[in-house]
PDB file of all heavy atoms in Angstrom:
ATOM      1  N   ASP A   1       0.824  -1.215   0.000  1.00  0.00           N
ATOM      2  CA  ASP A   1       0.000   0.000   0.000  1.00  0.00           C
ATOM      3  C   ASP A   1       0.855   1.261   0.000  1.00  0.00           C
ATOM      4  O   ASP A   1       0.566   2.218  -0.729  1.00  0.00           O
ATOM      5  CB  ASP A   1      -0.941   0.015   1.204  1.00  0.00           C
ATOM      6  CG  ASP A   1      -2.071  -0.995   1.094  1.00  0.00           C
ATOM      7  OD1 ASP A   1      -2.370  -1.444  -0.032  1.00  0.00           O
ATOM      8  OD2 ASP A   1      -2.660  -1.326   2.144  1.00  0.00           O
ATOM      9  N   ASP A   2       1.898   1.271   0.817  1.00  0.00           N
ATOM     10  CA  ASP A   2       2.786   2.435   0.848  1.00  0.00           C
ATOM     11  C   ASP A   2       3.520   2.604  -0.477  1.00  0.00           C
ATOM     12  O   ASP A   2       3.684   3.725  -0.973  1.00  0.00           O
ATOM     13  CB  ASP A   2       3.800   2.326   1.992  1.00  0.00           C
ATOM     14  CG  ASP A   2       3.166   2.576   3.358  1.00  0.00           C
ATOM     15  OD1 ASP A   2       2.038   3.113   3.413  1.00  0.00           O
ATOM     16  OD2 ASP A   2       3.799   2.225   4.370  1.00  0.00           O
ATOM     17  N   ALA A   3       3.963   1.495  -1.053  1.00  0.00           N
ATOM     18  CA  ALA A   3       4.648   1.567  -2.350  1.00  0.00           C
ATOM     19  C   ALA A   3       3.718   2.133  -3.417  1.00  0.00           C
ATOM     20  O   ALA A   3       4.104   3.030  -4.171  1.00  0.00           O
ATOM     21  CB  ALA A   3       5.146   0.179  -2.761  1.00  0.00           C
ATOM     22  N   ARG A   4       2.483   1.630  -3.461  1.00  0.00           N
ATOM     23  CA  ARG A   4       1.524   2.127  -4.449  1.00  0.00           C
ATOM     24  C   ARG A   4       1.256   3.611  -4.244  1.00  0.00           C
ATOM     25  O   ARG A   4       1.247   4.403  -5.184  1.00  0.00           O
ATOM     26  CB  ARG A   4       0.217   1.335  -4.384  1.00  0.00           C
ATOM     27  CG  ARG A   4      -0.769   1.740  -5.488  1.00  0.00           C
ATOM     28  CD  ARG A   4      -2.111   1.031  -5.387  1.00  0.00           C
ATOM     29  NE  ARG A   4      -2.790   1.464  -4.184  1.00  0.00           N
ATOM     30  CZ  ARG A   4      -3.114   0.676  -3.161  1.00  0.00           C
ATOM     31  NH1 ARG A   4      -2.817  -0.604  -3.177  1.00  0.00           N
ATOM     32  NH2 ARG A   4      -3.723   1.164  -2.103  1.00  0.00           N
ATOM     33  N   ARG A   5       1.062   4.020  -3.004  1.00  0.00           N
ATOM     34  CA  ARG A   5       0.777   5.420  -2.695  1.00  0.00           C
ATOM     35  C   ARG A   5       1.936   6.323  -3.137  1.00  0.00           C
ATOM     36  O   ARG A   5       1.720   7.363  -3.775  1.00  0.00           O
ATOM     37  CB  ARG A   5       0.515   5.549  -1.194  1.00  0.00           C
ATOM     38  CG  ARG A   5      -0.230   6.766  -0.789  1.00  0.00           C
ATOM     39  CD  ARG A   5      -0.721   6.798   0.662  1.00  0.00           C
ATOM     40  NE  ARG A   5      -0.139   5.854   1.597  1.00  0.00           N
ATOM     41  CZ  ARG A   5      -0.709   4.688   1.957  1.00  0.00           C
ATOM     42  NH1 ARG A   5      -1.841   4.303   1.427  1.00  0.00           N
ATOM     43  NH2 ARG A   5      -0.116   3.902   2.842  1.00  0.00           N
ATOM     44  N   LEU A   6       3.171   5.924  -2.833  1.00  0.00           N
ATOM     45  CA  LEU A   6       4.335   6.725  -3.234  1.00  0.00           C
ATOM     46  C   LEU A   6       4.454   6.809  -4.757  1.00  0.00           C
ATOM     47  O   LEU A   6       4.749   7.874  -5.312  1.00  0.00           O
ATOM     48  CB  LEU A   6       5.616   6.134  -2.640  1.00  0.00           C
ATOM     49  CG  LEU A   6       5.820   6.345  -1.150  1.00  0.00           C
ATOM     50  CD1 LEU A   6       6.958   5.469  -0.635  1.00  0.00           C
ATOM     51  CD2 LEU A   6       6.105   7.817  -0.870  1.00  0.00           C
ATOM     52  N   ILE A   7       4.241   5.695  -5.421  1.00  0.00           N
ATOM     53  CA  ILE A   7       4.332   5.678  -6.887  1.00  0.00           C
ATOM     54  C   ILE A   7       3.232   6.532  -7.497  1.00  0.00           C
ATOM     55  O   ILE A   7       3.493   7.321  -8.422  1.00  0.00           O
ATOM     56  CB  ILE A   7       4.300   4.232  -7.412  1.00  0.00           C
ATOM     57  CG1 ILE A   7       5.600   3.515  -7.030  1.00  0.00           C
ATOM     58  CG2 ILE A   7       4.073   4.197  -8.920  1.00  0.00           C
ATOM     59  CD1 ILE A   7       5.581   2.020  -7.254  1.00  0.00           C
ATOM     60  N   GLN A   8       2.019   6.433  -6.979  1.00  0.00           N
ATOM     61  CA  GLN A   8       0.924   7.241  -7.513  1.00  0.00           C
ATOM     62  C   GLN A   8       1.167   8.730  -7.301  1.00  0.00           C
ATOM     63  O   GLN A   8       0.882   9.540  -8.190  1.00  0.00           O
ATOM     64  CB  GLN A   8      -0.411   6.807  -6.891  1.00  0.00           C
ATOM     65  CG  GLN A   8      -0.887   5.465  -7.405  1.00  0.00           C
ATOM     66  CD  GLN A   8      -2.128   4.956  -6.696  1.00  0.00           C
ATOM     67  OE1 GLN A   8      -2.338   5.211  -5.508  1.00  0.00           O
ATOM     68  NE2 GLN A   8      -2.944   4.218  -7.431  1.00  0.00           N
ATOM     69  N   MET A   9       1.717   9.111  -6.154  1.00  0.00           N
ATOM     70  CA  MET A   9       2.042  10.521  -5.912  1.00  0.00           C
ATOM     71  C   MET A   9       3.118  11.002  -6.878  1.00  0.00           C
ATOM     72  O   MET A   9       3.037  12.114  -7.406  1.00  0.00           O
ATOM     73  CB  MET A   9       2.484  10.728  -4.461  1.00  0.00           C
ATOM     74  CG  MET A   9       1.346  10.634  -3.479  1.00  0.00           C
ATOM     75  SD  MET A   9       1.709  10.929  -1.707  1.00  0.00           S
ATOM     76  CE  MET A   9       3.446  11.043  -1.583  1.00  0.00           C
ATOM     77  N   LYS A  10       4.119  10.168  -7.129  1.00  0.00           N
ATOM     78  CA  LYS A  10       5.194  10.531  -8.061  1.00  0.00           C
ATOM     79  C   LYS A  10       4.647  10.698  -9.476  1.00  0.00           C
ATOM     80  O   LYS A  10       4.973  11.659 -10.175  1.00  0.00           O
ATOM     81  CB  LYS A  10       6.296   9.461  -8.020  1.00  0.00           C
ATOM     82  CG  LYS A  10       7.410   9.659  -9.011  1.00  0.00           C
ATOM     83  CD  LYS A  10       8.217  10.894  -8.706  1.00  0.00           C
ATOM     84  CE  LYS A  10       9.415  10.980  -9.622  1.00  0.00           C
ATOM     85  NZ  LYS A  10       9.858  12.348  -9.808  1.00  0.00           N
ATOM     86  N   LEU A  11       3.789   9.764  -9.914  1.00  0.00           N
ATOM     87  CA  LEU A  11       3.196   9.855 -11.240  1.00  0.00           C
ATOM     88  C   LEU A  11       2.352  11.112 -11.379  1.00  0.00           C
ATOM     89  O   LEU A  11       2.408  11.803 -12.403  1.00  0.00           O
ATOM     90  CB  LEU A  11       2.351   8.613 -11.537  1.00  0.00           C
ATOM     91  CG  LEU A  11       3.116   7.293 -11.673  1.00  0.00           C
ATOM     92  CD1 LEU A  11       2.144   6.119 -11.682  1.00  0.00           C
ATOM     93  CD2 LEU A  11       3.980   7.294 -12.913  1.00  0.00           C
ATOM     94  N   ALA A  12       1.570  11.433 -10.345  1.00  0.00           N
ATOM     95  CA  ALA A  12       0.744  12.652 -10.372  1.00  0.00           C
ATOM     96  C   ALA A  12       1.628  13.895 -10.418  1.00  0.00           C
ATOM     97  O   ALA A  12       1.364  14.827 -11.190  1.00  0.00           O
ATOM     98  CB  ALA A  12      -0.176  12.686  -9.158  1.00  0.00           C
ATOM     99  N   GLY A  13       2.685  13.900  -9.608  1.00  0.00           N
ATOM    100  CA  GLY A  13       3.610  15.035  -9.598  1.00  0.00           C
ATOM    101  C   GLY A  13       4.310  15.239 -10.927  1.00  0.00           C
ATOM    102  O   GLY A  13       4.614  16.369 -11.313  1.00  0.00           O
ATOM    103  N   ASP A  14       4.559  14.146 -11.637  1.00  0.00           N
ATOM    104  CA  ASP A  14       5.202  14.218 -12.950  1.00  0.00           C
ATOM    105  C   ASP A  14       4.205  14.505 -14.070  1.00  0.00           C
ATOM    106  O   ASP A  14       4.594  14.641 -15.229  1.00  0.00           O
ATOM    107  CB  ASP A  14       5.938  12.911 -13.263  1.00  0.00           C
ATOM    108  CG  ASP A  14       7.188  12.731 -12.412  1.00  0.00           C
ATOM    109  OD1 ASP A  14       7.599  13.682 -11.725  1.00  0.00           O
ATOM    110  OD2 ASP A  14       7.753  11.616 -12.437  1.00  0.00           O
ATOM    111  N   GLY A  15       2.904  14.523 -13.737  1.00  0.00           N
ATOM    112  CA  GLY A  15       1.880  14.816 -14.735  1.00  0.00           C
ATOM    113  C   GLY A  15       1.582  13.675 -15.691  1.00  0.00           C
ATOM    114  O   GLY A  15       1.099  13.909 -16.797  1.00  0.00           O
ATOM    115  N   VAL A  16       1.851  12.438 -15.273  1.00  0.00           N
ATOM    116  CA  VAL A  16       1.608  11.301 -16.163  1.00  0.00           C
ATOM    117  C   VAL A  16       0.622  10.282 -15.576  1.00  0.00           C
ATOM    118  O   VAL A  16       0.411   9.218 -16.154  1.00  0.00           O
ATOM    119  CB  VAL A  16       2.929  10.584 -16.541  1.00  0.00           C
ATOM    120  CG1 VAL A  16       3.831  11.522 -17.340  1.00  0.00           C
ATOM    121  CG2 VAL A  16       3.652  10.073 -15.303  1.00  0.00           C
ATOM    122  N   ALA A  17       0.005  10.610 -14.446  1.00  0.00           N
ATOM    123  CA  ALA A  17      -0.917   9.673 -13.787  1.00  0.00           C
ATOM    124  C   ALA A  17      -2.078   9.274 -14.695  1.00  0.00           C
ATOM    125  O   ALA A  17      -2.586   8.156 -14.584  1.00  0.00           O
ATOM    126  CB  ALA A  17      -1.450  10.274 -12.487  1.00  0.00           C
ATOM    127  N   GLN A  18      -2.471  10.139 -15.597  1.00  0.00           N
ATOM    128  CA  GLN A  18      -3.602   9.841 -16.487  1.00  0.00           C
ATOM    129  C   GLN A  18      -3.295   8.710 -17.470  1.00  0.00           C
ATOM    130  O   GLN A  18      -4.200   8.149 -18.066  1.00  0.00           O
ATOM    131  CB  GLN A  18      -4.057  11.091 -17.256  1.00  0.00           C
ATOM    132  CG  GLN A  18      -3.117  11.537 -18.356  1.00  0.00           C
ATOM    133  CD  GLN A  18      -1.954  12.413 -17.890  1.00  0.00           C
ATOM    134  OE1 GLN A  18      -1.682  12.526 -16.696  1.00  0.00           O
ATOM    135  NE2 GLN A  18      -1.274  13.037 -18.838  1.00  0.00           N
ATOM    136  N   HIS A  19      -2.043   8.334 -17.606  1.00  0.00           N
ATOM    137  CA  HIS A  19      -1.655   7.254 -18.519  1.00  0.00           C
ATOM    138  C   HIS A  19      -1.623   5.891 -17.840  1.00  0.00           C
ATOM    139  O   HIS A  19      -1.315   4.889 -18.482  1.00  0.00           O
ATOM    140  CB  HIS A  19      -0.274   7.535 -19.126  1.00  0.00           C
ATOM    141  CG  HIS A  19      -0.235   8.761 -19.969  1.00  0.00           C
ATOM    142  ND1 HIS A  19      -0.887   8.857 -21.177  1.00  0.00           N
ATOM    143  CD2 HIS A  19       0.368   9.959 -19.761  1.00  0.00           C
ATOM    144  CE1 HIS A  19      -0.684  10.058 -21.686  1.00  0.00           C
ATOM    145  NE2 HIS A  19       0.070  10.746 -20.847  1.00  0.00           N
ATOM    146  N   VAL A  20      -1.921   5.856 -16.531  1.00  0.00           N
ATOM    147  CA  VAL A  20      -1.842   4.611 -15.768  1.00  0.00           C
ATOM    148  C   VAL A  20      -3.231   4.206 -15.292  1.00  0.00           C
ATOM    149  O   VAL A  20      -3.954   5.005 -14.703  1.00  0.00           O
ATOM    150  CB  VAL A  20      -0.895   4.763 -14.554  1.00  0.00           C
ATOM    151  CG1 VAL A  20      -0.793   3.442 -13.799  1.00  0.00           C
ATOM    152  CG2 VAL A  20       0.471   5.250 -14.998  1.00  0.00           C
ATOM    153  N   THR A  21      -3.588   2.962 -15.556  1.00  0.00           N
ATOM    154  CA  THR A  21      -4.834   2.389 -15.078  1.00  0.00           C
ATOM    155  C   THR A  21      -4.504   1.390 -13.978  1.00  0.00           C
ATOM    156  O   THR A  21      -3.657   0.514 -14.174  1.00  0.00           O
ATOM    157  CB  THR A  21      -5.576   1.673 -16.232  1.00  0.00           C
ATOM    158  OG1 THR A  21      -5.800   2.614 -17.279  1.00  0.00           O
ATOM    159  CG2 THR A  21      -6.896   1.093 -15.763  1.00  0.00           C
ATOM    160  N   TRP A  22      -5.176   1.528 -12.843  1.00  0.00           N
ATOM    161  CA  TRP A  22      -4.921   0.662 -11.696  1.00  0.00           C
ATOM    162  C   TRP A  22      -6.077  -0.295 -11.483  1.00  0.00           C
ATOM    163  O   TRP A  22      -7.239   0.087 -11.615  1.00  0.00           O
ATOM    164  CB  TRP A  22      -4.727   1.495 -10.428  1.00  0.00           C
ATOM    165  CG  TRP A  22      -3.481   2.307 -10.443  1.00  0.00           C
ATOM    166  CD1 TRP A  22      -3.333   3.567 -10.959  1.00  0.00           C
ATOM    167  CD2 TRP A  22      -2.202   1.928  -9.960  1.00  0.00           C
ATOM    168  NE1 TRP A  22      -2.036   3.986 -10.813  1.00  0.00           N
ATOM    169  CE2 TRP A  22      -1.327   2.996 -10.195  1.00  0.00           C
ATOM    170  CE3 TRP A  22      -1.717   0.781  -9.337  1.00  0.00           C
ATOM    171  CZ2 TRP A  22       0.014   2.959  -9.832  1.00  0.00           C
ATOM    172  CZ3 TRP A  22      -0.388   0.735  -8.975  1.00  0.00           C
ATOM    173  CH2 TRP A  22       0.463   1.817  -9.212  1.00  0.00           C
ATOM    174  N   ASN A  23      -5.753  -1.521 -11.133  1.00  0.00           N
ATOM    175  CA  ASN A  23      -6.723  -2.526 -10.708  1.00  0.00           C
ATOM    176  C   ASN A  23      -6.144  -3.147  -9.443  1.00  0.00           C
ATOM    177  O   ASN A  23      -5.388  -4.115  -9.514  1.00  0.00           O
ATOM    178  CB  ASN A  23      -6.944  -3.568 -11.808  1.00  0.00           C
ATOM    179  CG  ASN A  23      -8.000  -4.581 -11.428  1.00  0.00           C
ATOM    180  OD1 ASN A  23      -8.651  -4.450 -10.392  1.00  0.00           O
ATOM    181  ND2 ASN A  23      -8.159  -5.600 -12.246  1.00  0.00           N
ATOM    182  N   GLY A  24      -6.459  -2.539  -8.302  1.00  0.00           N
ATOM    183  CA  GLY A  24      -5.791  -2.931  -7.058  1.00  0.00           C
ATOM    184  C   GLY A  24      -4.332  -2.540  -7.155  1.00  0.00           C
ATOM    185  O   GLY A  24      -4.009  -1.387  -7.432  1.00  0.00           O
ATOM    186  N   ASN A  25      -3.451  -3.499  -6.999  1.00  0.00           N
ATOM    187  CA  ASN A  25      -2.013  -3.225  -7.096  1.00  0.00           C
ATOM    188  C   ASN A  25      -1.442  -3.555  -8.469  1.00  0.00           C
ATOM    189  O   ASN A  25      -0.242  -3.440  -8.684  1.00  0.00           O
ATOM    190  CB  ASN A  25      -1.243  -3.995  -6.015  1.00  0.00           C
ATOM    191  CG  ASN A  25      -1.405  -3.356  -4.662  1.00  0.00           C
ATOM    192  OD1 ASN A  25      -1.820  -2.209  -4.545  1.00  0.00           O
ATOM    193  ND2 ASN A  25      -1.091  -4.093  -3.616  1.00  0.00           N
ATOM    194  N   ARG A  26      -2.295  -3.999  -9.386  1.00  0.00           N
ATOM    195  CA  ARG A  26      -1.855  -4.234 -10.765  1.00  0.00           C
ATOM    196  C   ARG A  26      -2.054  -2.942 -11.546  1.00  0.00           C
ATOM    197  O   ARG A  26      -2.984  -2.189 -11.279  1.00  0.00           O
ATOM    198  CB  ARG A  26      -2.654  -5.371 -11.403  1.00  0.00           C
ATOM    199  CG  ARG A  26      -2.313  -6.712 -10.771  1.00  0.00           C
ATOM    200  CD  ARG A  26      -2.582  -7.906 -11.642  1.00  0.00           C
ATOM    201  NE  ARG A  26      -2.047  -7.859 -12.991  1.00  0.00           N
ATOM    202  CZ  ARG A  26      -0.768  -8.054 -13.340  1.00  0.00           C
ATOM    203  NH1 ARG A  26       0.129  -8.304 -12.423  1.00  0.00           N
ATOM    204  NH2 ARG A  26      -0.393  -8.015 -14.593  1.00  0.00           N
ATOM    205  N   PHE A  27      -1.169  -2.698 -12.498  1.00  0.00           N
ATOM    206  CA  PHE A  27      -1.271  -1.462 -13.273  1.00  0.00           C
ATOM    207  C   PHE A  27      -0.887  -1.692 -14.729  1.00  0.00           C
ATOM    208  O   PHE A  27      -0.134  -2.611 -15.056  1.00  0.00           O
ATOM    209  CB  PHE A  27      -0.392  -0.359 -12.672  1.00  0.00           C
ATOM    210  CG  PHE A  27       1.060  -0.734 -12.561  1.00  0.00           C
ATOM    211  CD1 PHE A  27       1.933  -0.492 -13.604  1.00  0.00           C
ATOM    212  CD2 PHE A  27       1.550  -1.328 -11.411  1.00  0.00           C
ATOM    213  CE1 PHE A  27       3.273  -0.840 -13.514  1.00  0.00           C
ATOM    214  CE2 PHE A  27       2.887  -1.678 -11.299  1.00  0.00           C
ATOM    215  CZ  PHE A  27       3.758  -1.433 -12.359  1.00  0.00           C
ATOM    216  N   THR A  28      -1.446  -0.842 -15.572  1.00  0.00           N
ATOM    217  CA  THR A  28      -1.089  -0.792 -16.983  1.00  0.00           C
ATOM    218  C   THR A  28      -0.867   0.671 -17.338  1.00  0.00           C
ATOM    219  O   THR A  28      -1.709   1.516 -17.028  1.00  0.00           O
ATOM    220  CB  THR A  28      -2.212  -1.364 -17.872  1.00  0.00           C
ATOM    221  OG1 THR A  28      -2.466  -2.703 -17.479  1.00  0.00           O
ATOM    222  CG2 THR A  28      -1.822  -1.324 -19.342  1.00  0.00           C
ATOM    223  N   ALA A  29       0.257   0.960 -17.950  1.00  0.00           N
ATOM    224  CA  ALA A  29       0.546   2.304 -18.432  1.00  0.00           C
ATOM    225  C   ALA A  29       0.638   2.232 -19.943  1.00  0.00           C
ATOM    226  O   ALA A  29       1.254   1.321 -20.496  1.00  0.00           O
ATOM    227  CB  ALA A  29       1.859   2.806 -17.850  1.00  0.00           C
ATOM    228  N   SER A  30       0.004   3.193 -20.589  1.00  0.00           N
ATOM    229  CA  SER A  30      -0.024   3.162 -22.048  1.00  0.00           C
ATOM    230  C   SER A  30       0.042   4.577 -22.602  1.00  0.00           C
ATOM    231  O   SER A  30      -0.621   5.480 -22.097  1.00  0.00           O
ATOM    232  CB  SER A  30      -1.321   2.482 -22.504  1.00  0.00           C
ATOM    233  OG  SER A  30      -1.359   2.378 -23.890  1.00  0.00           O
ATOM    234  N   VAL A  31       0.859   4.742 -23.624  1.00  0.00           N
ATOM    235  CA  VAL A  31       0.972   6.019 -24.328  1.00  0.00           C
ATOM    236  C   VAL A  31       0.810   5.729 -25.807  1.00  0.00           C
ATOM    237  O   VAL A  31       1.407   4.782 -26.339  1.00  0.00           O
ATOM    238  CB  VAL A  31       2.344   6.694 -24.059  1.00  0.00           C
ATOM    239  CG1 VAL A  31       2.486   7.975 -24.866  1.00  0.00           C
ATOM    240  CG2 VAL A  31       2.537   6.954 -22.573  1.00  0.00           C
ATOM    241  N   GLY A  32      -0.013   6.514 -26.472  1.00  0.00           N
ATOM    242  CA  GLY A  32      -0.224   6.306 -27.912  1.00  0.00           C
ATOM    243  C   GLY A  32      -0.892   4.975 -28.201  1.00  0.00           C
ATOM    244  O   GLY A  32      -0.473   4.263 -29.104  1.00  0.00           O
ATOM    245  N   TRP A  33      -1.933   4.653 -27.416  1.00  0.00           N
ATOM    246  CA  TRP A  33      -2.679   3.394 -27.572  1.00  0.00           C
ATOM    247  C   TRP A  33      -1.756   2.184 -27.510  1.00  0.00           C
ATOM    248  O   TRP A  33      -2.011   1.151 -28.115  1.00  0.00           O
ATOM    249  CB  TRP A  33      -3.498   3.371 -28.854  1.00  0.00           C
ATOM    250  CG  TRP A  33      -4.602   4.363 -28.836  1.00  0.00           C
ATOM    251  CD1 TRP A  33      -5.776   4.254 -28.158  1.00  0.00           C
ATOM    252  CD2 TRP A  33      -4.646   5.613 -29.504  1.00  0.00           C
ATOM    253  NE1 TRP A  33      -6.533   5.370 -28.355  1.00  0.00           N
ATOM    254  CE2 TRP A  33      -5.863   6.225 -29.192  1.00  0.00           C
ATOM    255  CE3 TRP A  33      -3.753   6.288 -30.329  1.00  0.00           C
ATOM    256  CZ2 TRP A  33      -6.230   7.473 -29.675  1.00  0.00           C
ATOM    257  CZ3 TRP A  33      -4.116   7.522 -30.813  1.00  0.00           C
ATOM    258  CH2 TRP A  33      -5.338   8.096 -30.499  1.00  0.00           C
ATOM    259  N   GLY A  34      -0.654   2.313 -26.799  1.00  0.00           N
ATOM    260  CA  GLY A  34       0.279   1.204 -26.634  1.00  0.00           C
ATOM    261  C   GLY A  34       1.329   1.090 -27.718  1.00  0.00           C
ATOM    262  O   GLY A  34       2.222   0.258 -27.631  1.00  0.00           O
ATOM    263  N   PHE A  35       1.240   1.935 -28.752  1.00  0.00           N
ATOM    264  CA  PHE A  35       2.233   1.870 -29.831  1.00  0.00           C
ATOM    265  C   PHE A  35       3.550   2.516 -29.411  1.00  0.00           C
ATOM    266  O   PHE A  35       4.619   2.074 -29.803  1.00  0.00           O
ATOM    267  CB  PHE A  35       1.709   2.533 -31.101  1.00  0.00           C
ATOM    268  CG  PHE A  35       0.579   1.796 -31.733  1.00  0.00           C
ATOM    269  CD1 PHE A  35      -0.697   2.322 -31.746  1.00  0.00           C
ATOM    270  CD2 PHE A  35       0.782   0.542 -32.296  1.00  0.00           C
ATOM    271  CE1 PHE A  35      -1.746   1.631 -32.316  1.00  0.00           C
ATOM    272  CE2 PHE A  35      -0.260  -0.160 -32.874  1.00  0.00           C
ATOM    273  CZ  PHE A  35      -1.532   0.385 -32.876  1.00  0.00           C
ATOM    274  N   ILE A  36       3.461   3.585 -28.628  1.00  0.00           N
ATOM    275  CA  ILE A  36       4.666   4.271 -28.176  1.00  0.00           C
ATOM    276  C   ILE A  36       5.215   3.586 -26.926  1.00  0.00           C
ATOM    277  O   ILE A  36       6.414   3.354 -26.806  1.00  0.00           O
ATOM    278  CB  ILE A  36       4.378   5.757 -27.903  1.00  0.00           C
ATOM    279  CG1 ILE A  36       3.988   6.437 -29.211  1.00  0.00           C
ATOM    280  CG2 ILE A  36       5.574   6.440 -27.250  1.00  0.00           C
ATOM    281  CD1 ILE A  36       3.521   7.859 -29.054  1.00  0.00           C
ATOM    282  N   LEU A  37       4.311   3.233 -26.011  1.00  0.00           N
ATOM    283  CA  LEU A  37       4.736   2.605 -24.767  1.00  0.00           C
ATOM    284  C   LEU A  37       3.582   1.839 -24.146  1.00  0.00           C
ATOM    285  O   LEU A  37       2.461   2.330 -24.098  1.00  0.00           O
ATOM    286  CB  LEU A  37       5.212   3.669 -23.767  1.00  0.00           C
ATOM    287  CG  LEU A  37       5.468   3.190 -22.340  1.00  0.00           C
ATOM    288  CD1 LEU A  37       6.660   2.255 -22.287  1.00  0.00           C
ATOM    289  CD2 LEU A  37       5.657   4.367 -21.414  1.00  0.00           C
ATOM    290  N   LYS A  38       3.889   0.645 -23.654  1.00  0.00           N
ATOM    291  CA  LYS A  38       2.951  -0.107 -22.837  1.00  0.00           C
ATOM    292  C   LYS A  38       3.742  -0.818 -21.752  1.00  0.00           C
ATOM    293  O   LYS A  38       4.720  -1.501 -22.026  1.00  0.00           O
ATOM    294  CB  LYS A  38       2.163  -1.124 -23.657  1.00  0.00           C
ATOM    295  CG  LYS A  38       1.145  -1.869 -22.809  1.00  0.00           C
ATOM    296  CD  LYS A  38       0.274  -2.785 -23.626  1.00  0.00           C
ATOM    297  CE  LYS A  38      -0.749  -3.461 -22.726  1.00  0.00           C
ATOM    298  NZ  LYS A  38      -1.569  -4.401 -23.487  1.00  0.00           N
ATOM    299  N   VAL A  39       3.306  -0.611 -20.508  1.00  0.00           N
ATOM    300  CA  VAL A  39       3.931  -1.246 -19.359  1.00  0.00           C
ATOM    301  C   VAL A  39       2.837  -1.899 -18.540  1.00  0.00           C
ATOM    302  O   VAL A  39       1.824  -1.274 -18.237  1.00  0.00           O
ATOM    303  CB  VAL A  39       4.694  -0.221 -18.477  1.00  0.00           C
ATOM    304  CG1 VAL A  39       5.272  -0.886 -17.244  1.00  0.00           C
ATOM    305  CG2 VAL A  39       5.776   0.487 -19.269  1.00  0.00           C
ATOM    306  N   VAL A  40       3.036  -3.163 -18.191  1.00  0.00           N
ATOM    307  CA  VAL A  40       2.102  -3.899 -17.344  1.00  0.00           C
ATOM    308  C   VAL A  40       2.892  -4.424 -16.157  1.00  0.00           C
ATOM    309  O   VAL A  40       3.977  -4.990 -16.335  1.00  0.00           O
ATOM    310  CB  VAL A  40       1.454  -5.075 -18.108  1.00  0.00           C
ATOM    311  CG1 VAL A  40       0.535  -5.873 -17.198  1.00  0.00           C
ATOM    312  CG2 VAL A  40       0.713  -4.576 -19.340  1.00  0.00           C
ATOM    313  N   GLY A  41       2.366  -4.213 -14.958  1.00  0.00           N
ATOM    314  CA  GLY A  41       3.096  -4.676 -13.789  1.00  0.00           C
ATOM    315  C   GLY A  41       2.233  -4.800 -12.558  1.00  0.00           C
ATOM    316  O   GLY A  41       1.005  -4.673 -12.619  1.00  0.00           O
TER     317      GLY A  41
END
C-alpha cells in the first residue's frame, strides 16, 4: 500500500498519472494506444 501510494504521488507530480490504469495493485501504463509505450506490472 505504501509503495503504491508513493508511486501514484510521483506519477501525479510528474503529470503522467492519467496514462496509468490501476486494478488494485496491478497497473497498466499506455501512451499512444500502446504503440509508443505499454507497461504492465
